Amino acid sequence: MFARLKKLIAPAFFFLFLNREERRSLFLGGSGSGDRASAAMGSKFSIEQVQPDFPIDFLDLIQRLVMITPDLSQAVKRIVQLANTGLEFELEDASDEMREKARLEIKDFLAAHPSIINRLIRQVALTGAVSAEAVPNLDMKGLAEMRPVRVASVRFAREEARGRTTYVPHQLIQNGYALLNPRQYYYEALETTEESPYAIPPFIAAIESVFIQKDASTSIKSVLGKLGLLGFLHVVRRRPRPRPGDRPEELAAREEKELQLLRDSALSKLSKGLIVSYDDVSTEHAPVTGDTRGFDSVWKTNEEQIASGLDIDPAILGRSYSTTETYAGVVFTAFVRKLANLRHPVENFLKFALTLHLRSLGYQFSRLSAQWGNDAAIDRQADALAEKARAETEQLQIGNVLTKKAAGIIGLDDAARELGYERATGKEEAGQAGAVIDIQDYVKKKQQSA
């Protein structure tokens, strides 16, 4: 399998060193897929087609490697498990009754699409983009499904209109390309190169190191298959004496047969940890792992290169490498913050799709907001203490601002802005202007309203 994958990856790496025009001519020249696409879509699209800055075949290659490579598979599972903390949606500028009805409608709709959030998070982790469409019911009342669209099948066309450049997504089909409906289809990239709408696959930097690891694993498998884990056993037996009248070829055949019988007998008894023989047989053990100094260092270095290509610290993948508990906490916190960024495209598509779903059902609202659940914590007690310290600091800040307001130093709007609000509500918290506000009571009311 890896021999076939290597044949795929070799020309792909060559592609990385071509400039934009060379890539364009390579794609559109000759009788390749570019010409077929041009004929199917028309000259306008073929002329203005935008090519990614990496071999598009890498997307399928990464998908395959993740399924059969332990480090990549584990990384994706860690990402999906820790990133999906659950989403809560809420209508804005809607009545309380409509909000509650919408909440139940969204809950039922997502229940009819189990694991959709996990699938979208996995898509972003592997391809660097969310690519999905909202499929309406035939009667145009609500959505029938939310369907991920294969990122490797998406191509963009550049369109110029009124001095503005837009990139229009199309999907590769059997006979060319089909325009993706922007009212239903959603594509959002985590990262792109300059002047390119294509998302950069996050794992692309780990591919070469993965193949180095596979070569090393193949060598280890070959050695173990031939010599075993602990080495090999050398069984020595005295050569049998020739019988009267034995011809040389008859003696050689008898010796070969006796050695085969001895081998089979030794193998069957060795599996039970015991060999029994007469005094004409001696055994010697020859280890093959006694002088493998440096191999573990080479393997470790390559694992670290894979982790760097994945942008995941080895500690997240369970590698200790002298990692301290404090360092592990720092690494975990940084990883969780990275996942918050990875979730944005998923959240935005779900809001896009659910907004279509609810509005087609007659719900009235200005926008749909979403909030992820709390992230996993490596030390919940320390996090609780930190949260308590932040709450106490906020309480002191609020008390200071309200004291200045009560003393007439600042007005209501000034106090609101110092506390992070755009403006005051126009109501005095204590019931009358200039009164001293009880900070404990104020914080309690604020917490209840939140």
Protein backbone atom coordinates (compact mmCIF):
# COMPACT_ATOMS: atom_id res chain seq x y z
CA MET A 1 0.00 0.00 0.00
CA PHE A 2 2.70 2.49 0.96
CA ALA A 3 4.55 1.80 -2.26
CA ARG A 4 1.47 3.01 -4.14
CA LEU A 5 1.14 6.04 -1.88
CA LYS A 6 4.80 6.92 -2.49
CA LYS A 7 4.19 6.94 -6.23
CA LEU A 8 1.39 9.41 -5.57
CA ILE A 9 3.40 11.66 -3.30
CA ALA A 10 6.56 11.94 -5.42
CA PRO A 11 5.06 14.04 -8.25
CA ALA A 12 3.02 15.94 -5.68
CA PHE A 13 6.15 17.24 -3.93
CA PHE A 14 7.49 18.30 -7.34
CA PHE A 15 4.30 20.33 -7.77
CA LEU A 16 5.19 22.45 -4.73
CA PHE A 17 8.20 23.95 -6.50
CA LEU A 18 6.28 25.18 -9.56
CA ASN A 19 5.18 28.79 -9.77
CA ARG A 20 1.55 29.74 -10.33
CA GLU A 21 1.76 29.94 -14.13
CA GLU A 22 3.58 26.60 -14.38
CA ARG A 23 0.90 24.97 -12.26
CA ARG A 24 -1.76 26.53 -14.43
CA SER A 25 -0.22 25.28 -17.67
CA LEU A 26 0.36 21.84 -16.14
CA PHE A 27 -3.30 21.59 -15.19
CA LEU A 28 -4.79 22.99 -18.41
CA GLY A 29 -2.27 21.68 -20.92
CA GLY A 30 -2.36 18.44 -22.92
CA SER A 31 -5.33 16.11 -22.80
CA GLY A 32 -5.61 15.93 -19.03
CA SER A 33 -8.49 16.61 -16.68
CA GLY A 34 -8.14 20.36 -17.18
CA ASP A 35 -9.23 20.15 -20.82
CA ARG A 36 -12.15 17.92 -19.96
CA ALA A 37 -13.19 20.35 -17.25
CA SER A 38 -12.84 23.29 -19.65
CA ALA A 39 -15.01 21.62 -22.26
CA ALA A 40 -17.66 20.77 -19.68
CA MET A 41 -17.76 24.16 -17.99
CA GLY A 42 -17.00 26.53 -20.84
CA SER A 43 -13.97 28.63 -21.62
CA LYS A 44 -14.75 31.32 -19.08
CA PHE A 45 -14.33 29.02 -16.10
CA SER A 46 -11.23 27.28 -17.45
CA ILE A 47 -9.50 30.59 -18.10
CA GLU A 48 -10.33 32.00 -14.70
CA GLN A 49 -9.95 28.81 -12.71
CA VAL A 50 -7.86 29.17 -9.55
CA GLN A 51 -5.50 26.36 -8.64
CA PRO A 52 -4.46 25.60 -5.03
CA ASP A 53 -0.87 26.18 -3.94
CA PHE A 54 -0.48 22.53 -3.00
CA PRO A 55 -1.23 19.26 -4.84
CA ILE A 56 -4.94 18.64 -4.44
CA ASP A 57 -4.19 14.89 -4.25
CA PHE A 58 -2.70 15.54 -0.81
CA LEU A 59 -6.23 15.80 0.60
CA ASP A 60 -7.04 12.19 -0.30
CA LEU A 61 -3.55 11.09 0.74
CA ILE A 62 -4.00 12.60 4.21
CA GLN A 63 -7.39 10.90 4.57
CA ARG A 64 -5.78 7.51 3.88
CA LEU A 65 -2.78 8.11 6.13
CA VAL A 66 -5.02 9.10 9.05
CA MET A 67 -6.83 5.76 8.84
CA ILE A 68 -3.65 3.65 8.95
CA THR A 69 -1.10 5.76 10.83
CA PRO A 70 -1.32 5.59 14.66
CA ASP A 71 0.06 9.09 15.34
CA LEU A 72 -2.26 10.78 12.84
CA SER A 73 -5.27 8.73 13.89
CA GLN A 74 -4.68 9.53 17.54
CA ALA A 75 -4.23 13.23 16.80
CA VAL A 76 -7.56 13.44 14.96
CA LYS A 77 -9.38 11.57 17.73
CA ARG A 78 -7.89 13.91 20.34
CA ILE A 79 -9.02 16.93 18.33
CA VAL A 80 -12.58 15.69 17.80
CA GLN A 81 -12.98 14.52 21.38
CA LEU A 82 -11.74 17.75 22.99
CA ALA A 83 -13.15 20.21 20.45
CA ASN A 84 -16.75 19.03 20.61
CA THR A 85 -17.96 20.44 23.92
CA GLY A 86 -21.53 20.81 22.73
CA LEU A 87 -23.31 23.83 21.22
CA GLU A 88 -26.19 25.85 22.58
CA PHE A 89 -28.12 28.07 20.14
CA GLU A 90 -30.33 31.04 20.93
CA LEU A 91 -32.43 33.43 18.87
CA GLU A 92 -31.72 37.13 19.24
CA ASP A 93 -34.46 39.78 19.15
CA ALA A 94 -37.21 37.19 19.54
CA SER A 95 -39.89 36.59 22.14
CA ASP A 96 -39.27 34.18 24.98
CA GLU A 97 -41.91 31.83 23.60
CA MET A 98 -40.31 31.78 20.15
CA ARG A 99 -36.85 31.24 21.67
CA GLU A 100 -38.06 28.19 23.56
CA LYS A 101 -39.82 26.76 20.49
CA ALA A 102 -36.68 27.35 18.42
CA ARG A 103 -34.53 25.68 21.05
CA LEU A 104 -36.66 22.53 20.90
CA GLU A 105 -36.76 22.62 17.09
CA ILE A 106 -32.95 22.86 16.88
CA LYS A 107 -32.58 20.07 19.42
CA ASP A 108 -34.85 17.76 17.41
CA PHE A 109 -33.21 18.69 14.11
CA LEU A 110 -29.69 17.98 15.40
CA ALA A 111 -30.89 14.73 16.96
CA ALA A 112 -31.93 13.69 13.45
CA HIS A 113 -28.33 14.35 12.31
CA PRO A 114 -26.25 12.45 14.87
CA SER A 115 -22.51 13.05 14.89
CA ILE A 116 -22.77 15.95 12.41
CA ILE A 117 -20.63 18.16 14.67
CA ASN A 118 -17.97 15.45 15.01
CA ARG A 119 -17.93 14.97 11.23
CA LEU A 120 -17.50 18.67 10.58
CA ILE A 121 -14.74 19.02 13.20
CA ARG A 122 -12.94 16.07 11.65
CA GLN A 123 -13.32 17.64 8.21
CA VAL A 124 -11.71 20.87 9.41
CA ALA A 125 -8.92 18.99 11.21
CA LEU A 126 -7.98 17.03 8.05
CA THR A 127 -8.61 19.55 5.28
CA GLY A 128 -8.42 22.93 7.02
CA ALA A 129 -11.92 23.92 5.91
CA VAL A 130 -15.56 23.22 6.49
CA SER A 131 -17.32 22.35 3.25
CA ALA A 132 -20.99 21.51 3.56
CA GLU A 133 -24.40 22.31 2.19
CA ALA A 134 -27.87 22.77 3.63
CA VAL A 135 -30.37 20.69 1.64
CA PRO A 136 -33.98 21.95 1.89
CA ASN A 137 -37.09 19.82 1.89
CA LEU A 138 -39.01 19.56 -1.35
CA ASP A 139 -41.76 21.80 0.02
CA MET A 140 -39.07 24.36 1.04
CA LYS A 141 -40.20 24.17 4.66
CA GLY A 142 -37.12 23.48 6.74
CA LEU A 143 -34.01 21.54 5.84
CA ALA A 144 -33.93 17.88 4.91
CA GLU A 145 -30.28 17.45 5.92
CA MET A 146 -26.89 19.04 6.44
CA ARG A 147 -24.45 17.30 4.12
CA PRO A 148 -20.64 17.60 4.16
CA VAL A 149 -19.20 18.15 0.67
CA ARG A 150 -15.87 16.51 -0.12
CA VAL A 151 -13.23 19.26 0.03
CA ALA A 152 -11.03 17.57 -2.59
CA SER A 153 -13.85 17.90 -5.11
CA VAL A 154 -14.20 21.69 -4.73
CA ARG A 155 -12.61 24.09 -7.24
CA PHE A 156 -12.87 27.87 -7.32
CA ALA A 157 -13.30 30.26 -10.23
CA ARG A 158 -12.22 33.89 -10.00
CA GLU A 159 -14.81 36.42 -11.11
CA GLU A 160 -14.23 40.15 -11.57
CA ALA A 161 -17.21 42.48 -11.23
CA ARG A 162 -17.12 46.23 -10.61
CA GLY A 163 -13.52 46.08 -9.50
CA ARG A 164 -14.24 43.38 -6.95
CA THR A 165 -12.79 39.87 -7.04
CA THR A 166 -14.93 36.98 -5.85
CA TYR A 167 -14.22 33.24 -5.79
CA VAL A 168 -17.12 31.06 -6.89
CA PRO A 169 -17.08 27.41 -5.70
CA HIS A 170 -17.73 24.52 -8.10
CA GLN A 171 -17.80 20.79 -7.48
CA LEU A 172 -15.93 18.24 -9.56
CA ILE A 173 -18.39 15.74 -11.03
CA GLN A 174 -18.10 12.91 -13.54
CA ASN A 175 -18.41 15.08 -16.65
CA GLY A 176 -16.81 18.30 -15.45
CA TYR A 177 -17.82 20.82 -12.78
CA ALA A 178 -21.12 21.91 -11.28
CA LEU A 179 -21.78 25.30 -9.72
CA LEU A 180 -22.44 25.10 -5.96
CA ASN A 181 -25.43 27.18 -4.89
CA PRO A 182 -24.15 29.93 -2.55
CA ARG A 183 -27.54 30.02 -0.84
CA GLN A 184 -27.06 26.43 0.29
CA TYR A 185 -23.32 25.73 0.13
CA TYR A 186 -20.85 26.97 2.75
CA TYR A 187 -17.03 26.92 2.58
CA GLU A 188 -14.79 28.49 5.20
CA ALA A 189 -11.03 27.99 5.47
CA LEU A 190 -8.97 28.17 8.63
CA GLU A 191 -5.86 29.38 6.79
CA THR A 192 -5.06 30.20 3.18
CA THR A 193 -2.09 31.44 1.22
CA GLU A 194 -2.14 34.88 -0.34
CA GLU A 195 -4.66 35.35 -3.16
CA SER A 196 -5.97 31.81 -2.82
CA PRO A 197 -9.38 30.72 -1.53
CA TYR A 198 -8.21 27.15 -0.84
CA ALA A 199 -7.68 26.04 2.76
CA ILE A 200 -4.23 24.74 3.69
CA PRO A 201 -4.48 21.16 5.04
CA PRO A 202 -3.15 21.31 8.63
CA PHE A 203 -1.39 17.92 8.41
CA ILE A 204 0.40 18.56 5.12
CA ALA A 205 3.72 19.29 6.86
CA ALA A 206 3.75 15.84 8.52
CA ILE A 207 3.48 13.73 5.36
CA GLU A 208 7.19 13.28 4.69
CA SER A 209 7.98 12.32 8.30
CA VAL A 210 5.10 9.83 8.26
CA PHE A 211 6.64 8.04 5.28
CA ILE A 212 10.02 7.96 7.03
CA GLN A 213 8.32 6.31 10.00
CA LYS A 214 6.61 3.81 7.70
CA ASP A 215 9.97 2.88 6.13
CA ALA A 216 11.41 2.31 9.62
CA SER A 217 8.40 0.22 10.62
CA THR A 218 8.77 -1.90 7.49
CA SER A 219 12.43 -2.55 8.34
CA ILE A 220 11.55 -3.54 11.91
CA LYS A 221 8.81 -5.86 10.67
CA SER A 222 11.24 -7.50 8.27
CA VAL A 223 13.83 -8.08 11.01
CA LEU A 224 11.26 -9.46 13.44
CA GLY A 225 9.85 -11.74 10.79
CA LYS A 226 13.23 -13.24 10.08
CA LEU A 227 14.94 -13.19 13.48
CA GLY A 228 12.24 -12.73 16.12
CA LEU A 229 12.02 -10.16 18.88
CA LEU A 230 14.65 -11.66 21.17
CA GLY A 231 17.01 -12.90 18.47
CA PHE A 232 17.40 -16.43 17.15
CA LEU A 233 18.33 -19.83 18.57
CA HIS A 234 21.23 -21.69 17.00
CA VAL A 235 20.78 -25.48 17.44
CA VAL A 236 23.96 -27.49 16.77
CA ARG A 237 23.96 -31.25 16.26
CA ARG A 238 26.82 -33.56 15.47
CA ARG A 239 26.90 -34.64 11.85
CA PRO A 240 25.63 -38.23 11.46
CA ARG A 241 28.15 -40.88 10.46
CA PRO A 242 27.94 -42.26 6.94
CA ARG A 243 26.43 -45.73 6.64
CA PRO A 244 28.30 -48.43 4.79
CA GLY A 245 27.67 -48.02 1.09
CA ASP A 246 26.17 -44.50 1.38
CA ARG A 247 26.66 -42.44 -1.68
CA PRO A 248 27.46 -38.71 -1.12
CA GLU A 249 24.06 -37.56 -2.43
CA GLU A 250 22.22 -40.04 -0.19
CA LEU A 251 24.18 -38.85 2.85
CA ALA A 252 23.44 -35.20 2.04
CA ALA A 253 19.72 -35.93 1.65
CA ARG A 254 19.58 -37.79 4.97
CA GLU A 255 21.42 -34.98 6.75
CA GLU A 256 19.03 -32.39 5.29
CA LYS A 257 16.00 -34.42 6.38
CA GLU A 258 17.33 -34.85 9.94
CA LEU A 259 18.02 -31.10 10.22
CA GLN A 260 14.47 -30.32 9.10
CA LEU A 261 13.05 -32.74 11.66
CA LEU A 262 15.26 -31.20 14.35
CA ARG A 263 14.14 -27.69 13.34
CA ASP A 264 10.45 -28.59 13.48
CA SER A 265 10.89 -30.31 16.81
CA ALA A 266 12.80 -27.35 18.29
CA LEU A 267 10.19 -24.84 17.07
CA SER A 268 7.29 -26.77 18.59
CA LYS A 269 9.07 -27.16 21.92
CA LEU A 270 10.50 -23.63 21.95
CA SER A 271 6.96 -22.18 21.83
CA LYS A 272 6.46 -23.79 25.26
CA GLY A 273 9.77 -22.46 26.54
CA LEU A 274 11.47 -25.87 26.71
CA ILE A 275 13.76 -27.91 24.48
CA VAL A 276 14.61 -31.53 25.29
CA SER A 277 17.30 -33.46 23.40
CA TYR A 278 20.12 -35.97 23.71
CA ASP A 279 23.68 -34.92 24.45
CA ASP A 280 24.53 -34.72 20.77
CA VAL A 281 22.51 -31.45 20.45
CA SER A 282 23.66 -28.06 21.75
CA THR A 283 21.88 -24.68 21.58
CA GLU A 284 23.20 -21.13 21.42
CA HIS A 285 21.16 -17.92 21.70
CA ALA A 286 22.17 -15.03 19.43
CA PRO A 287 20.43 -11.73 20.35
CA VAL A 288 19.90 -9.06 17.69
CA THR A 289 18.93 -6.18 20.00
CA GLY A 290 22.14 -5.97 21.94
CA ASP A 291 23.67 -3.27 19.76
CA THR A 292 20.80 -1.09 18.62
CA ARG A 293 22.12 2.00 20.35
CA GLY A 294 20.76 5.18 18.81
CA PHE A 295 17.68 3.64 17.19
CA ASP A 296 15.31 4.88 19.89
CA SER A 297 16.77 8.38 19.51
CA VAL A 298 16.20 8.34 15.75
CA TRP A 299 12.64 7.05 16.21
CA LYS A 300 11.92 9.67 18.86
CA THR A 301 13.27 12.46 16.66
CA ASN A 302 11.04 11.38 13.78
CA GLU A 303 8.01 11.17 16.08
CA GLU A 304 8.73 14.72 17.20
CA GLN A 305 8.90 15.80 13.56
CA ILE A 306 5.50 14.21 12.94
CA ALA A 307 4.08 15.97 15.99
CA SER A 308 5.50 19.29 14.77
CA GLY A 309 3.93 18.73 11.35
CA LEU A 310 0.60 18.07 13.07
CA ASP A 311 1.09 21.15 15.29
CA ILE A 312 0.46 18.98 18.34
CA ASP A 313 2.90 18.58 21.21
CA PRO A 314 4.03 14.96 21.75
CA ALA A 315 2.63 15.19 25.30
CA ILE A 316 -0.89 15.42 23.83
CA LEU A 317 -0.22 12.13 22.01
CA GLY A 318 0.87 10.43 25.23
CA ARG A 319 4.64 10.74 24.74
CA SER A 320 6.36 11.67 27.99
CA TYR A 321 9.84 12.60 26.68
CA SER A 322 10.69 13.94 30.17
CA THR A 323 7.59 16.14 30.17
CA THR A 324 6.87 17.64 33.59
CA GLU A 325 3.39 18.02 35.00
CA THR A 326 3.64 21.81 34.80
CA TYR A 327 4.74 21.70 31.17
CA ALA A 328 1.95 19.25 30.35
CA GLY A 329 -0.56 21.70 31.80
CA VAL A 330 0.81 24.55 29.68
CA VAL A 331 0.74 22.37 26.54
CA PHE A 332 -2.82 21.21 27.22
CA THR A 333 -4.04 24.77 27.75
CA ALA A 334 -2.44 25.91 24.49
CA PHE A 335 -3.97 22.95 22.65
CA VAL A 336 -7.46 23.70 23.96
CA ARG A 337 -7.11 27.33 22.85
CA LYS A 338 -6.10 26.13 19.39
CA LEU A 339 -9.25 24.01 19.25
CA ALA A 340 -11.35 27.11 19.96
CA ASN A 341 -10.04 28.53 16.68
CA LEU A 342 -10.66 25.27 14.82
CA ARG A 343 -14.31 25.27 15.93
CA HIS A 344 -15.18 28.62 14.34
CA PRO A 345 -15.88 27.31 10.80
CA VAL A 346 -18.04 24.52 12.23
CA GLU A 347 -20.02 26.96 14.37
CA ASN A 348 -20.47 29.38 11.46
CA PHE A 349 -21.81 26.68 9.13
CA LEU A 350 -24.24 25.39 11.74
CA LYS A 351 -25.54 28.91 12.33
CA PHE A 352 -25.81 29.37 8.54
CA ALA A 353 -27.76 26.13 8.08
CA LEU A 354 -29.97 26.46 11.16
CA THR A 355 -30.84 30.05 10.25
CA LEU A 356 -32.10 28.81 6.87
CA HIS A 357 -34.00 26.02 8.61
CA LEU A 358 -35.73 28.23 11.17
CA ARG A 359 -36.59 31.11 8.83
CA SER A 360 -38.09 28.75 6.26
CA LEU A 361 -40.30 27.48 9.10
CA GLY A 362 -41.51 31.00 9.88
CA TYR A 363 -39.41 31.94 12.90
CA GLN A 364 -38.80 35.68 13.27
CA PHE A 365 -35.44 36.82 14.69
CA SER A 366 -32.49 39.04 13.83
CA ARG A 367 -29.72 36.49 14.14
CA LEU A 368 -28.81 33.13 15.66
CA SER A 369 -26.08 33.03 18.28
CA ALA A 370 -24.19 29.98 19.51
CA GLN A 371 -22.12 29.14 22.57
CA TRP A 372 -19.82 26.16 23.05
CA GLY A 373 -19.73 24.31 26.34
CA ASN A 374 -16.84 24.54 28.79
CA ASP A 375 -13.55 23.16 27.55
CA ALA A 376 -11.93 20.19 29.23
CA ALA A 377 -9.60 21.08 32.09
CA ILE A 378 -6.43 19.28 33.12
CA ASP A 379 -6.74 20.58 36.70
CA ARG A 380 -10.29 21.57 37.57
CA GLN A 381 -9.36 22.64 41.10
CA ALA A 382 -6.75 25.08 39.85
CA ASP A 383 -9.20 26.38 37.23
CA ALA A 384 -11.84 26.88 39.92
CA LEU A 385 -9.40 28.88 42.05
CA ALA A 386 -8.44 30.97 39.03
CA GLU A 387 -12.11 31.61 38.25
CA LYS A 388 -12.72 32.64 41.86
CA ALA A 389 -9.79 35.06 41.69
CA ARG A 390 -11.15 36.56 38.45
CA ALA A 391 -14.60 36.98 40.03
CA GLU A 392 -13.11 38.72 43.07
CA THR A 393 -11.10 41.04 40.83
CA GLU A 394 -14.22 41.86 38.82
CA GLN A 395 -16.12 42.54 42.03
CA LEU A 396 -13.47 45.02 43.16
CA GLN A 397 -13.49 46.71 39.75
CA ILE A 398 -17.28 47.06 39.81
CA GLY A 399 -17.17 48.45 43.34
CA ASN A 400 -14.57 51.03 42.34
CA VAL A 401 -16.59 52.17 39.33
CA LEU A 402 -19.87 52.41 41.25
CA THR A 403 -18.19 54.31 44.07
CA LYS A 404 -16.96 56.91 41.55
CA LYS A 405 -20.47 57.06 40.12
CA ALA A 406 -22.06 57.52 43.56
CA ALA A 407 -19.59 60.30 44.36
CA GLY A 408 -20.55 62.13 41.18
CA ILE A 409 -17.10 61.77 39.61
CA ILE A 410 -18.47 59.97 36.54
CA GLY A 411 -21.92 59.60 34.99
CA LEU A 412 -24.01 56.56 34.21
CA ASP A 413 -22.72 56.13 30.65
CA ASP A 414 -19.11 56.57 31.79
CA ALA A 415 -19.63 53.90 34.44
CA ALA A 416 -21.19 51.58 31.88
CA ARG A 417 -18.28 52.02 29.49
CA GLU A 418 -15.73 51.32 32.24
CA LEU A 419 -17.59 48.07 32.94
CA GLY A 420 -17.51 47.05 29.28
CA TYR A 421 -21.00 48.13 28.19
CA GLU A 422 -21.83 50.43 25.32
CA ARG A 423 -24.11 52.63 27.38
CA ALA A 424 -26.21 52.64 30.55
CA THR A 425 -29.83 51.50 30.62
CA GLY A 426 -30.95 54.87 32.04
CA LYS A 427 -32.11 53.34 35.33
CA GLU A 428 -30.40 53.93 38.65
CA GLU A 429 -29.48 50.62 40.29
CA ALA A 430 -30.22 51.96 43.79
CA GLY A 431 -33.48 53.57 42.83
CA GLN A 432 -32.30 57.19 42.99
CA ALA A 433 -29.48 59.24 41.54
CA GLY A 434 -26.38 59.71 43.63
CA ALA A 435 -27.20 56.95 46.10
CA VAL A 436 -24.48 54.57 47.31
CA ILE A 437 -24.99 51.16 45.71
CA ASP A 438 -24.48 47.96 47.69
CA ILE A 439 -21.84 46.15 45.63
CA GLN A 440 -22.77 42.69 46.96
CA ASP A 441 -26.39 43.24 46.01
CA TYR A 442 -25.36 44.57 42.58
CA VAL A 443 -23.16 41.55 41.83
CA LYS A 444 -25.91 39.19 43.01
CA LYS A 445 -28.44 40.83 40.69
CA LYS A 446 -25.99 40.74 37.81
CA GLN A 447 -25.31 37.05 38.32
CA GLN A 448 -29.05 36.29 38.50
CA SER A 449 -29.72 38.20 35.28
CA ALA A 450 -26.87 36.36 33.53
